[in-house]
PDB file of N, CA and C in Angstrom:
ATOM      1  N   MET A   1      -9.676  21.789  22.253  1.00  0.00           N
ATOM      2  CA  MET A   1      -9.223  20.820  21.718  1.00  0.00           C
ATOM      3  C   MET A   1     -10.337  19.632  22.995  1.00  0.00           C
ATOM      4  N   ARG A   2     -10.505  18.099  22.120  1.00  0.00           N
ATOM      5  CA  ARG A   2     -11.350  17.487  22.854  1.00  0.00           C
ATOM      6  C   ARG A   2     -10.442  16.862  23.849  1.00  0.00           C
ATOM      7  N   TRP A   3     -11.084  16.803  25.064  1.00  0.00           N
ATOM      8  CA  TRP A   3     -10.616  14.824  25.971  1.00  0.00           C
ATOM      9  C   TRP A   3     -11.131  14.752  25.658  1.00  0.00           C
ATOM     10  N   TYR A   4      -9.670  12.790  25.456  1.00  0.00           N
ATOM     11  CA  TYR A   4     -11.157  12.048  25.123  1.00  0.00           C
ATOM     12  C   TYR A   4     -10.575  11.246  26.673  1.00  0.00           C
ATOM     13  N   THR A   5     -11.876  10.757  27.448  1.00  0.00           N
ATOM     14  CA  THR A   5     -12.573   9.744  28.350  1.00  0.00           C
ATOM     15  C   THR A   5     -12.280   8.513  28.965  1.00  0.00           C
ATOM     16  N   ALA A   6     -10.995   8.309  29.654  1.00  0.00           N
ATOM     17  CA  ALA A   6     -11.384   6.378  29.629  1.00  0.00           C
ATOM     18  C   ALA A   6     -11.478   5.946  31.048  1.00  0.00           C
ATOM     19  N   GLY A   7     -12.649   5.947  32.048  1.00  0.00           N
ATOM     20  CA  GLY A   7     -12.964   5.415  32.668  1.00  0.00           C
ATOM     21  C   GLY A   7     -12.083   7.622  33.605  1.00  0.00           C
ATOM     22  N   MET A   8     -10.762   7.235  34.559  1.00  0.00           N
ATOM     23  CA  MET A   8     -10.298   8.117  35.464  1.00  0.00           C
ATOM     24  C   MET A   8      -9.771   8.368  33.646  1.00  0.00           C
ATOM     25  N   ALA A   9      -8.710   8.322  33.313  1.00  0.00           N
ATOM     26  CA  ALA A   9      -7.665   8.802  32.906  1.00  0.00           C
ATOM     27  C   ALA A   9      -8.554   9.655  31.832  1.00  0.00           C
ATOM     28  N   HIS A  10      -7.680  10.958  31.757  1.00  0.00           N
ATOM     29  CA  HIS A  10      -7.887  12.006  30.226  1.00  0.00           C
ATOM     30  C   HIS A  10      -7.357  12.290  29.447  1.00  0.00           C
ATOM     31  N   VAL A  11      -6.587  13.101  28.475  1.00  0.00           N
ATOM     32  CA  VAL A  11      -6.187  12.535  27.807  1.00  0.00           C
ATOM     33  C   VAL A  11      -6.015  13.912  26.090  1.00  0.00           C
ATOM     34  N   ASP A  12      -5.568  14.432  26.409  1.00  0.00           N
ATOM     35  CA  ASP A  12      -5.875  15.787  24.553  1.00  0.00           C
ATOM     36  C   ASP A  12      -5.700  15.315  24.213  1.00  0.00           C
ATOM     37  N   ILE A  13      -6.738  15.246  23.303  1.00  0.00           N
ATOM     38  CA  ILE A  13      -6.048  15.931  21.488  1.00  0.00           C
ATOM     39  C   ILE A  13      -6.550  16.059  20.816  1.00  0.00           C
ATOM     40  N   LYS A  14      -5.906  16.376  20.046  1.00  0.00           N
ATOM     41  CA  LYS A  14      -6.494  17.672  18.531  1.00  0.00           C
ATOM     42  C   LYS A  14      -6.948  17.205  18.021  1.00  0.00           C
ATOM     43  N   PRO A  15      -7.587  18.382  18.459  1.00  0.00           N
ATOM     44  CA  PRO A  15      -9.186  17.766  16.977  1.00  0.00           C
ATOM     45  C   PRO A  15      -9.290  17.109  15.243  1.00  0.00           C
ATOM     46  N   GLU A  16      -8.027  17.788  15.096  1.00  0.00           N
ATOM     47  CA  GLU A  16      -7.647  16.989  13.763  1.00  0.00           C
ATOM     48  C   GLU A  16      -7.966  15.458  14.320  1.00  0.00           C
ATOM     49  N   SER A  17      -6.667  15.272  14.673  1.00  0.00           N
ATOM     50  CA  SER A  17      -6.721  13.754  15.009  1.00  0.00           C
ATOM     51  C   SER A  17      -7.753  12.990  15.780  1.00  0.00           C
ATOM     52  N   TYR A  18      -8.036  13.388  16.477  1.00  0.00           N
ATOM     53  CA  TYR A  18     -10.318  12.810  17.321  1.00  0.00           C
ATOM     54  C   TYR A  18     -10.587  12.820  15.740  1.00  0.00           C
ATOM     55  N   ASP A  19     -10.578  13.628  15.051  1.00  0.00           N
ATOM     56  CA  ASP A  19     -11.705  12.980  13.969  1.00  0.00           C
ATOM     57  C   ASP A  19     -11.276  12.704  12.891  1.00  0.00           C
ATOM     58  N   ALA A  20      -9.738  12.715  13.004  1.00  0.00           N
ATOM     59  CA  ALA A  20      -8.851  11.685  11.408  1.00  0.00           C
ATOM     60  C   ALA A  20      -9.425   9.968  12.845  1.00  0.00           C
ATOM     61  N   LEU A  21      -9.558  10.135  13.734  1.00  0.00           N
ATOM     62  CA  LEU A  21      -9.096   8.449  14.503  1.00  0.00           C
ATOM     63  C   LEU A  21     -11.245   8.086  14.526  1.00  0.00           C
ATOM     64  N   LYS A  22     -11.532   9.320  14.945  1.00  0.00           N
ATOM     65  CA  LYS A  22     -12.907   8.980  14.200  1.00  0.00           C
ATOM     66  C   LYS A  22     -12.935   8.258  13.063  1.00  0.00           C
ATOM     67  N   VAL A  23     -12.781   9.077  12.049  1.00  0.00           N
ATOM     68  CA  VAL A  23     -13.736   7.967  11.083  1.00  0.00           C
ATOM     69  C   VAL A  23     -12.664   7.052  10.551  1.00  0.00           C
ATOM     70  N   LEU A  24     -11.403   6.771  10.673  1.00  0.00           N
ATOM     71  CA  LEU A  24     -11.135   5.639  10.556  1.00  0.00           C
ATOM     72  C   LEU A  24     -11.337   4.318  11.264  1.00  0.00           C
ATOM     73  N   ALA A  25     -11.539   4.568  13.113  1.00  0.00           N
ATOM     74  CA  ALA A  25     -13.191   3.684  13.627  1.00  0.00           C
ATOM     75  C   ALA A  25     -13.944   3.382  12.736  1.00  0.00           C
ATOM     76  N   GLU A  26     -14.172   4.164  11.897  1.00  0.00           N
ATOM     77  CA  GLU A  26     -15.787   4.030  11.693  1.00  0.00           C
ATOM     78  C   GLU A  26     -15.512   2.877  10.864  1.00  0.00           C
ATOM     79  N   ARG A  27     -14.163   3.212   9.690  1.00  0.00           N
ATOM     80  CA  ARG A  27     -14.531   2.751   8.436  1.00  0.00           C
ATOM     81  C   ARG A  27     -13.742   0.740   8.672  1.00  0.00           C
ATOM     82  N   GLN A  28     -13.732   0.541   9.655  1.00  0.00           N
ATOM     83  CA  GLN A  28     -13.074  -0.426  10.722  1.00  0.00           C
ATOM     84  C   GLN A  28     -13.957  -1.076  11.487  1.00  0.00           C
ATOM     85  N   GLY A  29     -15.454  -0.823  11.377  1.00  0.00           N
ATOM     86  CA  GLY A  29     -15.727  -0.623  12.127  1.00  0.00           C
ATOM     87  C   GLY A  29     -15.632  -0.829  13.701  1.00  0.00           C
ATOM     88  N   SER A  30     -15.279   0.178  14.218  1.00  0.00           N
ATOM     89  CA  SER A  30     -14.950  -0.195  15.649  1.00  0.00           C
ATOM     90  C   SER A  30     -15.687   1.165  16.617  1.00  0.00           C
ATOM     91  N   THR A  31     -14.833   2.006  16.910  1.00  0.00           N
ATOM     92  CA  THR A  31     -14.961   3.343  18.459  1.00  0.00           C
ATOM     93  C   THR A  31     -13.659   3.654  18.378  1.00  0.00           C
ATOM     94  N   VAL A  32     -13.871   5.101  18.528  1.00  0.00           N
ATOM     95  CA  VAL A  32     -12.574   5.509  19.305  1.00  0.00           C
ATOM     96  C   VAL A  32     -11.576   4.979  20.574  1.00  0.00           C
ATOM     97  N   GLU A  33     -12.226   4.335  21.478  1.00  0.00           N
ATOM     98  CA  GLU A  33     -12.394   4.569  22.391  1.00  0.00           C
ATOM     99  C   GLU A  33     -11.528   2.752  22.453  1.00  0.00           C
ATOM    100  N   SER A  34     -11.619   1.861  21.015  1.00  0.00           N
ATOM    101  CA  SER A  34     -11.703   1.048  20.491  1.00  0.00           C
ATOM    102  C   SER A  34     -10.111   1.093  20.217  1.00  0.00           C
ATOM    103  N   MET A  35      -9.693   2.093  19.621  1.00  0.00           N
ATOM    104  CA  MET A  35      -9.099   2.485  18.860  1.00  0.00           C
ATOM    105  C   MET A  35      -7.440   3.420  19.814  1.00  0.00           C
ATOM    106  N   VAL A  36      -7.798   3.932  20.351  1.00  0.00           N
ATOM    107  CA  VAL A  36      -7.196   4.352  21.334  1.00  0.00           C
ATOM    108  C   VAL A  36      -6.370   3.547  22.015  1.00  0.00           C
ATOM    109  N   GLN A  37      -7.569   2.151  22.337  1.00  0.00           N
ATOM    110  CA  GLN A  37      -6.527   1.196  23.514  1.00  0.00           C
ATOM    111  C   GLN A  37      -6.147   0.395  22.955  1.00  0.00           C
ATOM    112  N   MET A  38      -6.653  -0.076  21.591  1.00  0.00           N
ATOM    113  CA  MET A  38      -4.978  -0.462  20.640  1.00  0.00           C
ATOM    114  C   MET A  38      -3.845  -0.035  21.239  1.00  0.00           C
ATOM    115  N   ALA A  39      -3.799   1.254  19.694  1.00  0.00           N
ATOM    116  CA  ALA A  39      -2.836   2.372  19.678  1.00  0.00           C
ATOM    117  C   ALA A  39      -1.598   1.715  21.700  1.00  0.00           C
ATOM    118  N   VAL A  40      -2.508   2.138  22.496  1.00  0.00           N
ATOM    119  CA  VAL A  40      -2.083   2.182  23.802  1.00  0.00           C
ATOM    120  C   VAL A  40      -1.304   0.853  23.776  1.00  0.00           C
ATOM    121  N   GLU A  41      -1.827   0.007  23.597  1.00  0.00           N
ATOM    122  CA  GLU A  41      -0.937  -0.972  24.103  1.00  0.00           C
ATOM    123  C   GLU A  41       0.070  -1.494  23.507  1.00  0.00           C
ATOM    124  N   ASP A  42      -0.614  -1.672  21.675  1.00  0.00           N
ATOM    125  CA  ASP A  42       0.731  -1.471  20.359  1.00  0.00           C
ATOM    126  C   ASP A  42       2.413  -0.828  20.409  1.00  0.00           C
ATOM    127  N   LEU A  43       2.295   0.481  21.668  1.00  0.00           N
ATOM    128  CA  LEU A  43       2.998   1.577  22.044  1.00  0.00           C
ATOM    129  C   LEU A  43       4.042   0.587  23.072  1.00  0.00           C
ATOM    130  N   ILE A  44       2.961   0.253  24.484  1.00  0.00           N
ATOM    131  CA  ILE A  44       2.724   0.032  25.297  1.00  0.00           C
ATOM    132  C   ILE A  44       4.090  -2.094  24.603  1.00  0.00           C
ATOM    133  N   ARG A  45       3.564  -2.191  24.173  1.00  0.00           N
ATOM    134  CA  ARG A  45       4.511  -3.989  23.631  1.00  0.00           C
ATOM    135  C   ARG A  45       5.377  -3.366  22.087  1.00  0.00           C
ATOM    136  N   ARG A  46       5.703  -2.382  21.953  1.00  0.00           N
ATOM    137  CA  ARG A  46       6.857  -2.097  21.365  1.00  0.00           C
ATOM    138  C   ARG A  46       7.696  -1.352  22.373  1.00  0.00           C
ATOM    139  N   GLN A  47       7.286  -0.551  22.697  1.00  0.00           N
ATOM    140  CA  GLN A  47       8.253   0.455  23.476  1.00  0.00           C
ATOM    141  C   GLN A  47       8.606  -0.956  24.248  1.00  0.00           C
ATOM    142  N   GLU A  48       8.609  -1.820  24.785  1.00  0.00           N
ATOM    143  CA  GLU A  48       8.823  -3.230  25.707  1.00  0.00           C
ATOM    144  C   GLU A  48       9.816  -4.129  25.452  1.00  0.00           C
ATOM    145  N   SER A  49       9.741  -4.042  23.952  1.00  0.00           N
ATOM    146  CA  SER A  49      10.335  -5.403  23.464  1.00  0.00           C
ATOM    147  C   SER A  49      11.556  -5.061  22.560  1.00  0.00           C
ATOM    148  N   SER A  50      12.467  -6.316  22.166  1.00  0.00           N
ATOM    149  CA  SER A  50      13.889  -5.511  22.316  1.00  0.00           C
ATOM    150  C   SER A  50      13.878  -5.512  20.309  1.00  0.00           C
ATOM    151  N   PRO A  51      14.455  -4.840  19.216  1.00  0.00           N
ATOM    152  CA  PRO A  51      15.233  -5.781  18.094  1.00  0.00           C
ATOM    153  C   PRO A  51      15.511  -7.709  18.318  1.00  0.00           C
ATOM    154  N   ASP A  52      15.839  -7.762  18.390  1.00  0.00           N
ATOM    155  CA  ASP A  52      16.336  -9.180  18.744  1.00  0.00           C
ATOM    156  C   ASP A  52      14.756  -9.739  18.456  1.00  0.00           C
ATOM    157  N   GLU A  53      13.981  -9.140  19.904  1.00  0.00           N
ATOM    158  CA  GLU A  53      12.771 -10.313  20.458  1.00  0.00           C
ATOM    159  C   GLU A  53      12.056 -10.056  19.307  1.00  0.00           C
ATOM    160  N   TRP A  54      11.490  -9.219  18.667  1.00  0.00           N
ATOM    161  CA  TRP A  54      10.901  -9.171  17.232  1.00  0.00           C
ATOM    162  C   TRP A  54      12.169  -9.984  15.907  1.00  0.00           C
ATOM    163  N   LEU A  55      12.823  -9.600  16.100  1.00  0.00           N
ATOM    164  CA  LEU A  55      13.766 -10.417  14.908  1.00  0.00           C
ATOM    165  C   LEU A  55      13.377 -12.403  15.030  1.00  0.00           C
ATOM    166  N   LYS A  56      13.107 -12.649  16.842  1.00  0.00           N
ATOM    167  CA  LYS A  56      13.284 -13.405  16.376  1.00  0.00           C
ATOM    168  C   LYS A  56      11.433 -14.102  16.418  1.00  0.00           C
ATOM    169  N   ARG A  57      10.804 -12.881  16.255  1.00  0.00           N
ATOM    170  CA  ARG A  57       9.515 -13.390  16.783  1.00  0.00           C
ATOM    171  C   ARG A  57       9.926 -13.484  14.604  1.00  0.00           C
ATOM    172  N   TRP A  58       9.603 -12.856  14.201  1.00  0.00           N
ATOM    173  CA  TRP A  58       9.649 -12.953  12.390  1.00  0.00           C
ATOM    174  C   TRP A  58       9.975 -14.532  12.099  1.00  0.00           C
ATOM    175  N   ARG A  59      11.101 -14.225  12.476  1.00  0.00           N
ATOM    176  CA  ARG A  59      12.113 -15.208  11.742  1.00  0.00           C
ATOM    177  C   ARG A  59      10.997 -17.442  12.097  1.00  0.00           C
ATOM    178  N   ALA A  60       9.908 -16.885  13.782  1.00  0.00           N
ATOM    179  CA  ALA A  60      10.008 -17.540  13.889  1.00  0.00           C
ATOM    180  C   ALA A  60       7.957 -17.711  12.903  1.00  0.00           C
ATOM    181  N   VAL A  61       7.787 -16.786  12.470  1.00  0.00           N
ATOM    182  CA  VAL A  61       6.276 -16.642  11.813  1.00  0.00           C
ATOM    183  C   VAL A  61       7.109 -16.662   9.932  1.00  0.00           C
ATOM    184  N   GLN A  62       8.343 -16.437   9.694  1.00  0.00           N
ATOM    185  CA  GLN A  62       8.635 -17.159   9.156  1.00  0.00           C
ATOM    186  C   GLN A  62       8.354 -18.740   7.900  1.00  0.00           C
ATOM    187  N   PHE A  63       9.896 -18.706   9.302  1.00  0.00           N
ATOM    188  CA  PHE A  63       9.578 -20.325   9.561  1.00  0.00           C
ATOM    189  C   PHE A  63       7.859 -21.040   9.531  1.00  0.00           C
ATOM    190  N   GLU A  64       7.168 -20.687  10.570  1.00  0.00           N
ATOM    191  CA  GLU A  64       5.841 -21.130  10.248  1.00  0.00           C
ATOM    192  C   GLU A  64       5.456 -21.411   8.691  1.00  0.00           C
ATOM    193  N   ILE A  65       5.743 -20.196   8.312  1.00  0.00           N
ATOM    194  CA  ILE A  65       4.514 -20.202   6.830  1.00  0.00           C
ATOM    195  C   ILE A  65       5.795 -21.335   6.046  1.00  0.00           C
ATOM    196  N   GLN A  66       6.303 -21.438   5.647  1.00  0.00           N
ATOM    197  CA  GLN A  66       7.789 -21.974   4.642  1.00  0.00           C
ATOM    198  C   GLN A  66       7.257 -23.469   5.580  1.00  0.00           C
ATOM    199  N   ALA A  67       6.589 -24.038   6.768  1.00  0.00           N
ATOM    200  CA  ALA A  67       7.291 -25.380   6.727  1.00  0.00           C
ATOM    201  C   ALA A  67       5.963 -25.584   6.819  1.00  0.00           C
ATOM    202  N   GLY A  68       4.903 -24.954   6.297  1.00  0.00           N
ATOM    203  CA  GLY A  68       3.257 -25.004   5.859  1.00  0.00           C
ATOM    204  C   GLY A  68       3.089 -25.295   3.541  1.00  0.00           C
ATOM    205  N   MET A  69       4.083 -24.836   3.629  1.00  0.00           N
ATOM    206  CA  MET A  69       4.322 -24.700   2.479  1.00  0.00           C
ATOM    207  C   MET A  69       4.989 -25.817   1.235  1.00  0.00           C
ATOM    208  N   PRO A  70       4.264 -26.853   0.149  1.00  0.00           N
ATOM    209  CA  PRO A  70       5.081 -27.999  -0.234  1.00  0.00           C
ATOM    210  C   PRO A  70       5.670 -27.134  -0.876  1.00  0.00           C
ATOM    211  N   ASP A  71       6.999 -28.301  -1.890  1.00  0.00           N
ATOM    212  CA  ASP A  71       7.134 -28.111  -2.494  1.00  0.00           C
ATOM    213  C   ASP A  71       7.745 -27.251  -3.834  1.00  0.00           C
ATOM    214  N   GLY A  72       7.452 -26.687  -3.879  1.00  0.00           N
ATOM    215  CA  GLY A  72       8.218 -25.239  -5.072  1.00  0.00           C
ATOM    216  C   GLY A  72       7.036 -24.675  -5.512  1.00  0.00           C
ATOM    217  N   VAL A  73       6.634 -24.058  -4.363  1.00  0.00           N
ATOM    218  CA  VAL A  73       5.450 -22.150  -4.383  1.00  0.00           C
ATOM    219  C   VAL A  73       6.104 -21.464  -4.662  1.00  0.00           C
ATOM    220  N   SER A  74       5.910 -21.287  -5.845  1.00  0.00           N
ATOM    221  CA  SER A  74       6.282 -19.136  -5.494  1.00  0.00           C
ATOM    222  C   SER A  74       6.313 -18.787  -4.274  1.00  0.00           C
ATOM    223  N   GLY A  75       7.035 -17.276  -5.001  1.00  0.00           N
ATOM    224  CA  GLY A  75       7.864 -16.145  -4.249  1.00  0.00           C
ATOM    225  C   GLY A  75       5.647 -15.421  -4.814  1.00  0.00           C
ATOM    226  N   GLU A  76       4.932 -16.189  -5.601  1.00  0.00           N
ATOM    227  CA  GLU A  76       3.477 -14.402  -5.314  1.00  0.00           C
ATOM    228  C   GLU A  76       2.704 -15.795  -4.663  1.00  0.00           C
ATOM    229  N   GLU A  77       2.381 -16.883  -5.456  1.00  0.00           N
ATOM    230  CA  GLU A  77       1.722 -17.597  -3.657  1.00  0.00           C
ATOM    231  C   GLU A  77       1.839 -17.012  -2.675  1.00  0.00           C
ATOM    232  N   ILE A  78       3.275 -17.230  -1.662  1.00  0.00           N
ATOM    233  CA  ILE A  78       4.001 -17.612  -0.187  1.00  0.00           C
ATOM    234  C   ILE A  78       3.107 -15.418  -0.281  1.00  0.00           C
ATOM    235  N   GLU A  79       3.315 -14.679  -1.095  1.00  0.00           N
ATOM    236  CA  GLU A  79       3.691 -13.459  -0.449  1.00  0.00           C
ATOM    237  C   GLU A  79       1.733 -12.994  -0.630  1.00  0.00           C
ATOM    238  N   ARG A  80       1.391 -13.973  -0.842  1.00  0.00           N
ATOM    239  CA  ARG A  80      -0.595 -14.792  -0.338  1.00  0.00           C
ATOM    240  C   ARG A  80      -1.142 -14.506   0.641  1.00  0.00           C
ATOM    241  N   GLU A  81      -0.163 -15.559   1.103  1.00  0.00           N
ATOM    242  CA  GLU A  81      -0.371 -16.340   2.516  1.00  0.00           C
ATOM    243  C   GLU A  81       0.127 -15.733   3.110  1.00  0.00           C
ATOM    244  N   ILE A  82       1.141 -14.711   2.847  1.00  0.00           N
ATOM    245  CA  ILE A  82       1.808 -13.667   4.416  1.00  0.00           C
ATOM    246  C   ILE A  82       0.027 -12.455   4.309  1.00  0.00           C
ATOM    247  N   ASP A  83      -0.441 -12.251   2.975  1.00  0.00           N
ATOM    248  CA  ASP A  83      -0.880 -11.263   2.718  1.00  0.00           C
ATOM    249  C   ASP A  83      -2.362 -11.335   3.639  1.00  0.00           C
ATOM    250  N   GLU A  84      -2.744 -13.092   3.300  1.00  0.00           N
ATOM    251  CA  GLU A  84      -4.163 -13.884   4.137  1.00  0.00           C
ATOM    252  C   GLU A  84      -3.816 -13.771   5.770  1.00  0.00           C
ATOM    253  N   ALA A  85      -2.818 -14.138   6.328  1.00  0.00           N
ATOM    254  CA  ALA A  85      -1.850 -14.268   7.270  1.00  0.00           C
ATOM    255  C   ALA A  85      -2.716 -12.542   8.286  1.00  0.00           C
ATOM    256  N   ILE A  86      -1.744 -11.643   7.532  1.00  0.00           N
ATOM    257  CA  ILE A  86      -1.861  -9.889   7.744  1.00  0.00           C
ATOM    258  C   ILE A  86      -3.540  -9.618   7.921  1.00  0.00           C
ATOM    259  N   ASN A  87      -4.028 -10.547   7.035  1.00  0.00           N
ATOM    260  CA  ASN A  87      -5.233  -9.830   7.418  1.00  0.00           C
ATOM    261  C   ASN A  87      -6.813 -10.024   8.716  1.00  0.00           C
ATOM    262  N   GLU A  88      -6.093 -11.660   8.431  1.00  0.00           N
ATOM    263  CA  GLU A  88      -6.482 -12.134   9.879  1.00  0.00           C
ATOM    264  C   GLU A  88      -6.475 -11.609  11.122  1.00  0.00           C
ATOM    265  N   VAL A  89      -5.142 -11.857  11.911  1.00  0.00           N
ATOM    266  CA  VAL A  89      -4.746 -10.743  12.455  1.00  0.00           C
ATOM    267  C   VAL A  89      -5.312  -9.641  13.087  1.00  0.00           C
ATOM    268  N   ARG A  90      -4.853  -8.580  11.804  1.00  0.00           N
ATOM    269  CA  ARG A  90      -5.896  -7.030  12.073  1.00  0.00           C
ATOM    270  C   ARG A  90      -7.548  -7.977  11.947  1.00  0.00           C
ATOM    271  N   ALA A  91      -8.166  -8.905  11.702  1.00  0.00           N
ATOM    272  CA  ALA A  91     -10.123  -8.711  11.605  1.00  0.00           C
ATOM    273  C   ALA A  91      -9.729  -9.470  13.372  1.00  0.00           C
ATOM    274  N   GLU A  92      -8.651  -9.500  13.917  1.00  0.00           N
ATOM    275  CA  GLU A  92      -9.295 -10.269  15.307  1.00  0.00           C
ATOM    276  C   GLU A  92      -9.090  -9.561  16.119  1.00  0.00           C
ATOM    277  N   ARG A  93      -7.477  -8.697  15.893  1.00  0.00           N
ATOM    278  CA  ARG A  93      -7.799  -7.708  16.167  1.00  0.00           C
ATOM    279  C   ARG A  93      -8.719  -6.637  16.826  1.00  0.00           C
ATOM    280  N   ARG A  94      -9.674  -6.458  15.647  1.00  0.00           N
ATOM    281  CA  ARG A  94     -10.579  -5.079  15.392  1.00  0.00           C
ATOM    282  C   ARG A  94     -12.150  -6.864  16.697  1.00  0.00           C
ATOM    283  N   ALA A  95     -11.531  -7.401  16.876  1.00  0.00           N
ATOM    284  CA  ALA A  95     -13.816  -7.919  17.612  1.00  0.00           C
ATOM    285  C   ALA A  95     -12.704  -7.817  18.756  1.00  0.00           C
ATOM    286  N   ARG A  96     -11.420  -8.189  18.445  1.00  0.00           N
ATOM    287  CA  ARG A  96     -11.184  -7.562  19.949  1.00  0.00           C
ATOM    288  C   ARG A  96     -10.981  -6.107  20.890  1.00  0.00           C
ATOM    289  N   GLY A  97     -11.496  -5.329  19.777  1.00  0.00           N
ATOM    290  CA  GLY A  97     -11.175  -3.788  19.979  1.00  0.00           C
ATOM    291  C   GLY A  97     -12.798  -3.643  20.199  1.00  0.00           C
ATOM    292  N   ARG A  98     -14.265  -4.472  19.974  1.00  0.00           N
ATOM    293  CA  ARG A  98     -16.084  -3.735  20.477  1.00  0.00           C
ATOM    294  C   ARG A  98     -15.593  -4.248  21.664  1.00  0.00           C
TER     295      ARG A  98
END
């Protein structure tokens, strides 16, 4: 087992999990520490949010996207806009994690 150390905290991680996390971090230009921090923050955020809150946020995102679309936009164009927004969020998260 490997020990992950963050300040005074120690977390026991299976070697195969650590190795997979390291590969993922390298692929994203990040560090294991940043990936662990993002995972912990995401877990906390998910556990503290109710399904109603997630639905409310999703509907707000949908409304924002639809409000910015001119009339007659195809489904493919909407999907592309959504994909671009997702990629922007992921890039911002990676940038914060460094």
